[in-house]
Amino acid sequence: MFTFLRRLFGFLLLLTSLGVLAWGLWPALASQAAQAFTPSQMQLTEQPTQSEGGVGIQSAPGLPPAVPENRRVTLDYPVTMREGDSEVIRLTLETDAEGNLTPTALFEGHTTSEDTVQIPNVYDTHNVQIEARLDLPGASAIPAEAISLPLQPGQKVTFSWTIKPGQVGAYRGAVWLYLRFTPLAGGEEIRQALTSQALEVQVVNLFGIGGPTGRIMGLVGSALGSVISLDDVVKFLFGRKRRKKKNQSRRR
């Protein structure tokens, strides 16, 4: 009876520990959001102009230059994650798979449809950078400050943050993107908001057990449950080997 109860306890401990370990190792549920941008949405709306009093900001005469590519912003982030774990939020800005389109002008919020209007290439007159900032209150993020990377024609730009929320709950925030234009001829930098990508991360635990603790408990419990429930099997195997060695020695 005692042997049966011991085996039952070991078997239940093994199953429970394997379940906790699987929960601790299971990949976080992730989500992806994408948004497309045309050149007309990435125009330089204001340009610096030299005046007698110094450098000022005024509306650009004529048609302002723009990034001459279709671009797509893709945000990958965890929807749920375990308490105590860290996960990665990744944002990618790349050329749209549909290729480049001929930019069209915007007038008073309406796109011209009868005539195609060439928008000047902003790369010919400016250095372009893309700036990203993660705003997720309550969660620590690395890096915590804004990141700026150069934007080159046809090149992909990727930003990533490692987040570690402090406790169980819902964390709501956003990733902000800005375009920064610096004139090649010199002058003030212009910073324009491009988009804000909203996100929400749900942090959970298992009966008060976080991810790191769950993995340790799962490993230890699985090993202990295996020893208890498979003790007789181990003894049988070792006993069989010993008997085999004794028989071989007697034959000699």
Protein backbone atom coordinates (compact mmCIF):
# COMPACT_ATOMS: atom_id res chain seq x y z
CA MET A 1 0.00 0.00 0.00
CA PHE A 2 2.79 2.38 0.93
CA THR A 3 4.58 1.64 -2.34
CA PHE A 4 1.41 2.36 -4.30
CA LEU A 5 0.85 5.70 -2.53
CA ARG A 6 4.49 6.65 -3.04
CA ARG A 7 4.28 5.90 -6.74
CA LEU A 8 1.00 7.79 -7.04
CA PHE A 9 2.43 10.82 -5.29
CA GLY A 10 5.52 10.75 -7.49
CA PHE A 11 3.44 10.40 -10.64
CA LEU A 12 1.17 13.34 -9.69
CA LEU A 13 4.19 15.44 -8.75
CA LEU A 14 5.78 14.62 -12.10
CA LEU A 15 2.67 15.57 -14.07
CA THR A 16 2.12 18.79 -12.13
CA SER A 17 5.76 19.83 -12.44
CA LEU A 18 5.80 19.12 -16.16
CA GLY A 19 2.69 21.28 -16.54
CA VAL A 20 4.30 24.17 -14.61
CA LEU A 21 7.50 23.78 -16.63
CA ALA A 22 5.58 23.80 -19.90
CA TRP A 23 3.76 26.97 -18.81
CA GLY A 24 7.09 28.58 -17.91
CA LEU A 25 8.68 27.70 -21.25
CA TRP A 26 5.73 28.29 -23.56
CA PRO A 27 6.44 31.20 -25.95
CA ALA A 28 4.59 34.43 -25.21
CA LEU A 29 1.53 35.13 -27.31
CA ALA A 30 2.53 37.80 -29.82
CA SER A 31 0.72 40.22 -32.09
CA GLN A 32 1.68 42.18 -35.18
CA ALA A 33 0.34 45.50 -36.44
CA ALA A 34 1.24 47.09 -39.78
CA GLN A 35 0.64 50.48 -41.33
CA ALA A 36 1.56 51.66 -44.83
CA PHE A 37 2.80 55.13 -45.77
CA THR A 38 2.96 56.79 -49.17
CA PRO A 39 5.48 59.51 -50.07
CA SER A 40 2.77 62.15 -49.70
CA GLN A 41 2.49 61.14 -46.02
CA MET A 42 6.25 61.58 -45.51
CA GLN A 43 6.62 65.07 -46.92
CA LEU A 44 8.69 67.79 -45.37
CA THR A 45 5.91 70.17 -44.44
CA GLU A 46 8.19 72.96 -43.22
CA GLN A 47 11.67 74.06 -44.24
CA PRO A 48 14.22 76.34 -42.60
CA THR A 49 14.88 79.58 -44.44
CA GLN A 50 17.72 82.04 -43.93
CA SER A 51 16.69 85.56 -42.95
CA GLU A 52 18.60 88.62 -41.82
CA GLY A 53 17.71 87.91 -38.23
CA GLY A 54 19.01 84.35 -38.41
CA VAL A 55 17.47 81.00 -39.25
CA GLY A 56 13.70 80.81 -38.95
CA ILE A 57 11.01 78.30 -39.87
CA GLN A 58 8.44 78.99 -42.53
CA SER A 59 6.31 77.01 -44.96
CA ALA A 60 8.24 75.76 -47.96
CA PRO A 61 7.52 77.54 -51.23
CA GLY A 62 6.15 75.27 -53.95
CA LEU A 63 5.94 71.55 -53.44
CA PRO A 64 7.88 70.26 -50.40
CA PRO A 65 10.22 67.27 -50.86
CA ALA A 66 9.32 63.83 -49.53
CA VAL A 67 10.72 60.37 -48.90
CA PRO A 68 10.23 58.93 -52.41
CA GLU A 69 9.24 55.38 -51.39
CA ASN A 70 6.25 53.54 -50.13
CA ARG A 71 7.09 52.49 -46.60
CA ARG A 72 5.51 50.01 -44.21
CA VAL A 73 5.76 50.14 -40.43
CA THR A 74 5.43 46.76 -38.69
CA LEU A 75 5.15 46.47 -34.91
CA ASP A 76 5.70 43.10 -33.20
CA TYR A 77 4.95 42.89 -29.49
CA PRO A 78 3.85 40.36 -26.84
CA VAL A 79 0.14 40.31 -26.07
CA THR A 80 0.64 38.27 -22.90
CA MET A 81 3.78 37.54 -20.93
CA ARG A 82 4.68 35.90 -17.62
CA GLU A 83 5.46 37.93 -14.52
CA GLY A 84 9.21 38.24 -14.03
CA ASP A 85 10.03 37.53 -17.68
CA SER A 86 11.38 39.98 -20.23
CA GLU A 87 10.20 40.19 -23.83
CA VAL A 88 11.16 42.13 -26.93
CA ILE A 89 9.12 44.75 -28.78
CA ARG A 90 10.32 45.23 -32.34
CA LEU A 91 9.39 47.90 -34.87
CA THR A 92 10.48 47.70 -38.52
CA LEU A 93 10.28 50.39 -41.17
CA GLU A 94 10.90 48.96 -44.64
CA THR A 95 10.10 49.59 -48.28
CA ASP A 96 6.63 48.36 -49.13
CA ALA A 97 6.56 45.11 -51.10
CA GLU A 98 4.41 46.82 -53.74
CA GLY A 99 7.45 48.89 -54.73
CA ASN A 100 7.83 52.59 -55.36
CA LEU A 101 4.93 54.63 -56.58
CA THR A 102 5.11 58.00 -58.30
CA PRO A 103 4.39 60.51 -55.52
CA THR A 104 1.36 62.72 -55.92
CA ALA A 105 0.83 66.14 -54.42
CA LEU A 106 -1.55 66.97 -51.61
CA PHE A 107 -3.56 70.18 -51.79
CA GLU A 108 -5.82 71.17 -48.90
CA GLY A 109 -6.05 67.57 -47.77
CA HIS A 110 -7.07 66.14 -51.16
CA THR A 111 -4.91 64.07 -53.51
CA THR A 112 -4.80 65.21 -57.10
CA SER A 113 -6.10 62.51 -59.41
CA GLU A 114 -6.05 64.02 -62.91
CA ASP A 115 -2.35 64.86 -63.22
CA THR A 116 0.63 63.13 -61.66
CA VAL A 117 2.83 65.61 -59.85
CA GLN A 118 6.43 64.73 -59.09
CA ILE A 119 7.40 65.46 -55.52
CA PRO A 120 11.06 66.44 -55.03
CA ASN A 121 13.29 63.76 -53.51
CA VAL A 122 14.09 64.74 -49.93
CA TYR A 123 17.30 62.68 -49.99
CA ASP A 124 18.73 65.15 -52.52
CA THR A 125 18.52 68.04 -50.07
CA HIS A 126 18.41 66.55 -46.56
CA ASN A 127 19.86 63.94 -44.27
CA VAL A 128 16.90 61.90 -43.03
CA GLN A 129 16.67 60.11 -39.72
CA ILE A 130 13.85 58.11 -38.19
CA GLU A 131 13.33 58.45 -34.45
CA ALA A 132 11.41 55.95 -32.31
CA ARG A 133 10.35 56.11 -28.69
CA LEU A 134 8.54 53.50 -26.59
CA ASP A 135 6.06 54.81 -24.04
CA LEU A 136 4.86 51.96 -21.78
CA PRO A 137 4.07 53.32 -18.28
CA GLY A 138 4.81 50.93 -15.42
CA ALA A 139 7.25 48.74 -17.33
CA SER A 140 11.01 49.12 -17.51
CA ALA A 141 12.31 49.32 -21.07
CA ILE A 142 15.82 49.10 -22.50
CA PRO A 143 16.69 51.46 -24.06
CA ALA A 144 14.56 53.94 -22.14
CA GLU A 145 15.42 56.96 -24.27
CA ALA A 146 14.45 57.73 -27.86
CA ILE A 147 16.44 56.01 -30.63
CA SER A 148 17.44 57.73 -33.87
CA LEU A 149 18.72 55.83 -36.90
CA PRO A 150 19.57 57.05 -40.42
CA LEU A 151 16.97 56.45 -43.09
CA GLN A 152 18.54 55.50 -46.41
CA PRO A 153 16.79 54.95 -49.77
CA GLY A 154 15.37 51.43 -49.94
CA GLN A 155 16.99 50.36 -46.66
CA LYS A 156 15.17 48.69 -43.78
CA VAL A 157 15.37 50.19 -40.30
CA THR A 158 14.64 48.12 -37.17
CA PHE A 159 14.15 49.28 -33.58
CA SER A 160 13.89 46.93 -30.60
CA TRP A 161 13.21 47.31 -26.88
CA THR A 162 13.47 44.78 -24.07
CA ILE A 163 10.64 45.24 -21.59
CA LYS A 164 10.15 43.83 -18.10
CA PRO A 165 6.89 44.83 -16.37
CA GLY A 166 6.97 45.01 -12.61
CA GLN A 167 3.82 43.09 -11.69
CA VAL A 168 0.66 41.41 -12.95
CA GLY A 169 -1.72 43.64 -14.89
CA ALA A 170 -2.42 45.34 -18.19
CA TYR A 171 0.17 47.74 -19.59
CA ARG A 172 -1.00 50.13 -22.28
CA GLY A 173 1.27 52.35 -24.30
CA ALA A 174 2.49 53.29 -27.75
CA VAL A 175 5.53 53.46 -29.99
CA TRP A 176 6.04 56.94 -31.43
CA LEU A 177 7.79 57.55 -34.74
CA TYR A 178 9.24 60.84 -35.94
CA LEU A 179 11.02 61.92 -39.11
CA ARG A 180 14.01 64.22 -38.66
CA PHE A 181 15.28 66.25 -41.62
CA THR A 182 18.63 68.08 -41.57
CA PRO A 183 19.44 70.26 -44.62
CA LEU A 184 22.62 69.22 -46.43
CA ALA A 185 23.44 72.88 -46.96
CA GLY A 186 23.22 73.56 -43.24
CA GLY A 187 20.42 74.88 -41.10
CA GLU A 188 18.02 73.82 -38.40
CA GLU A 189 16.79 70.27 -38.06
CA ILE A 190 13.08 69.72 -38.59
CA ARG A 191 11.31 67.04 -36.53
CA GLN A 192 7.90 65.78 -37.66
CA ALA A 193 5.62 63.16 -36.10
CA LEU A 194 4.96 60.25 -38.46
CA THR A 195 2.77 57.84 -36.50
CA SER A 196 1.86 56.42 -33.11
CA GLN A 197 1.41 52.64 -32.84
CA ALA A 198 -0.73 51.63 -29.83
CA LEU A 199 -0.05 48.40 -27.93
CA GLU A 200 -1.27 46.56 -24.83
CA VAL A 201 0.63 43.89 -22.89
CA GLN A 202 -1.08 41.63 -20.35
CA VAL A 203 1.21 40.26 -17.62
CA VAL A 204 0.03 37.06 -15.89
CA ASN A 205 1.23 34.48 -13.38
CA LEU A 206 0.21 30.95 -12.40
CA PHE A 207 -1.37 30.92 -8.93
CA GLY A 208 1.09 33.61 -7.88
CA ILE A 209 4.06 31.94 -9.55
CA GLY A 210 6.04 33.97 -12.07
CA GLY A 211 7.97 32.73 -15.07
CA PRO A 212 11.48 32.26 -13.55
CA THR A 213 10.12 30.63 -10.38
CA GLY A 214 7.81 28.39 -12.41
CA ARG A 215 10.68 27.09 -14.53
CA ILE A 216 12.81 26.29 -11.46
CA MET A 217 9.91 24.58 -9.67
CA GLY A 218 9.04 22.66 -12.83
CA LEU A 219 12.59 21.35 -13.28
CA VAL A 220 13.08 20.40 -9.63
CA GLY A 221 9.62 18.87 -9.31
CA SER A 222 10.00 16.88 -12.53
CA ALA A 223 13.31 15.43 -11.38
CA LEU A 224 11.98 14.60 -7.91
CA GLY A 225 8.75 13.12 -9.28
CA SER A 226 10.70 10.97 -11.71
CA VAL A 227 12.90 9.59 -8.94
CA ILE A 228 9.95 8.80 -6.67
CA SER A 229 7.65 7.28 -9.30
CA LEU A 230 10.37 5.43 -11.23
CA ASP A 231 12.38 4.29 -8.23
CA ASP A 232 11.50 0.63 -8.65
CA VAL A 233 12.26 0.76 -12.35
CA VAL A 234 15.70 2.21 -11.64
CA LYS A 235 16.37 -0.45 -9.01
CA PHE A 236 15.29 -3.17 -11.43
CA LEU A 237 17.60 -1.91 -14.18
CA PHE A 238 20.60 -1.53 -11.86
CA GLY A 239 19.87 -4.93 -10.28
CA ARG A 240 19.74 -6.53 -13.69
CA LYS A 241 23.13 -5.08 -14.61
CA ARG A 242 24.63 -6.32 -11.34
CA ARG A 243 23.24 -9.82 -11.87
CA LYS A 244 24.63 -9.85 -15.40
CA LYS A 245 28.10 -8.88 -14.16
CA LYS A 246 28.00 -11.60 -11.48
CA ASN A 247 27.07 -14.25 -14.03
CA GLN A 248 29.91 -13.14 -16.32
CA SER A 249 32.42 -13.31 -13.45
CA ARG A 250 31.29 -16.80 -12.46
CA ARG A 251 31.73 -18.07 -16.02
CA ARG A 252 35.30 -16.87 -15.98
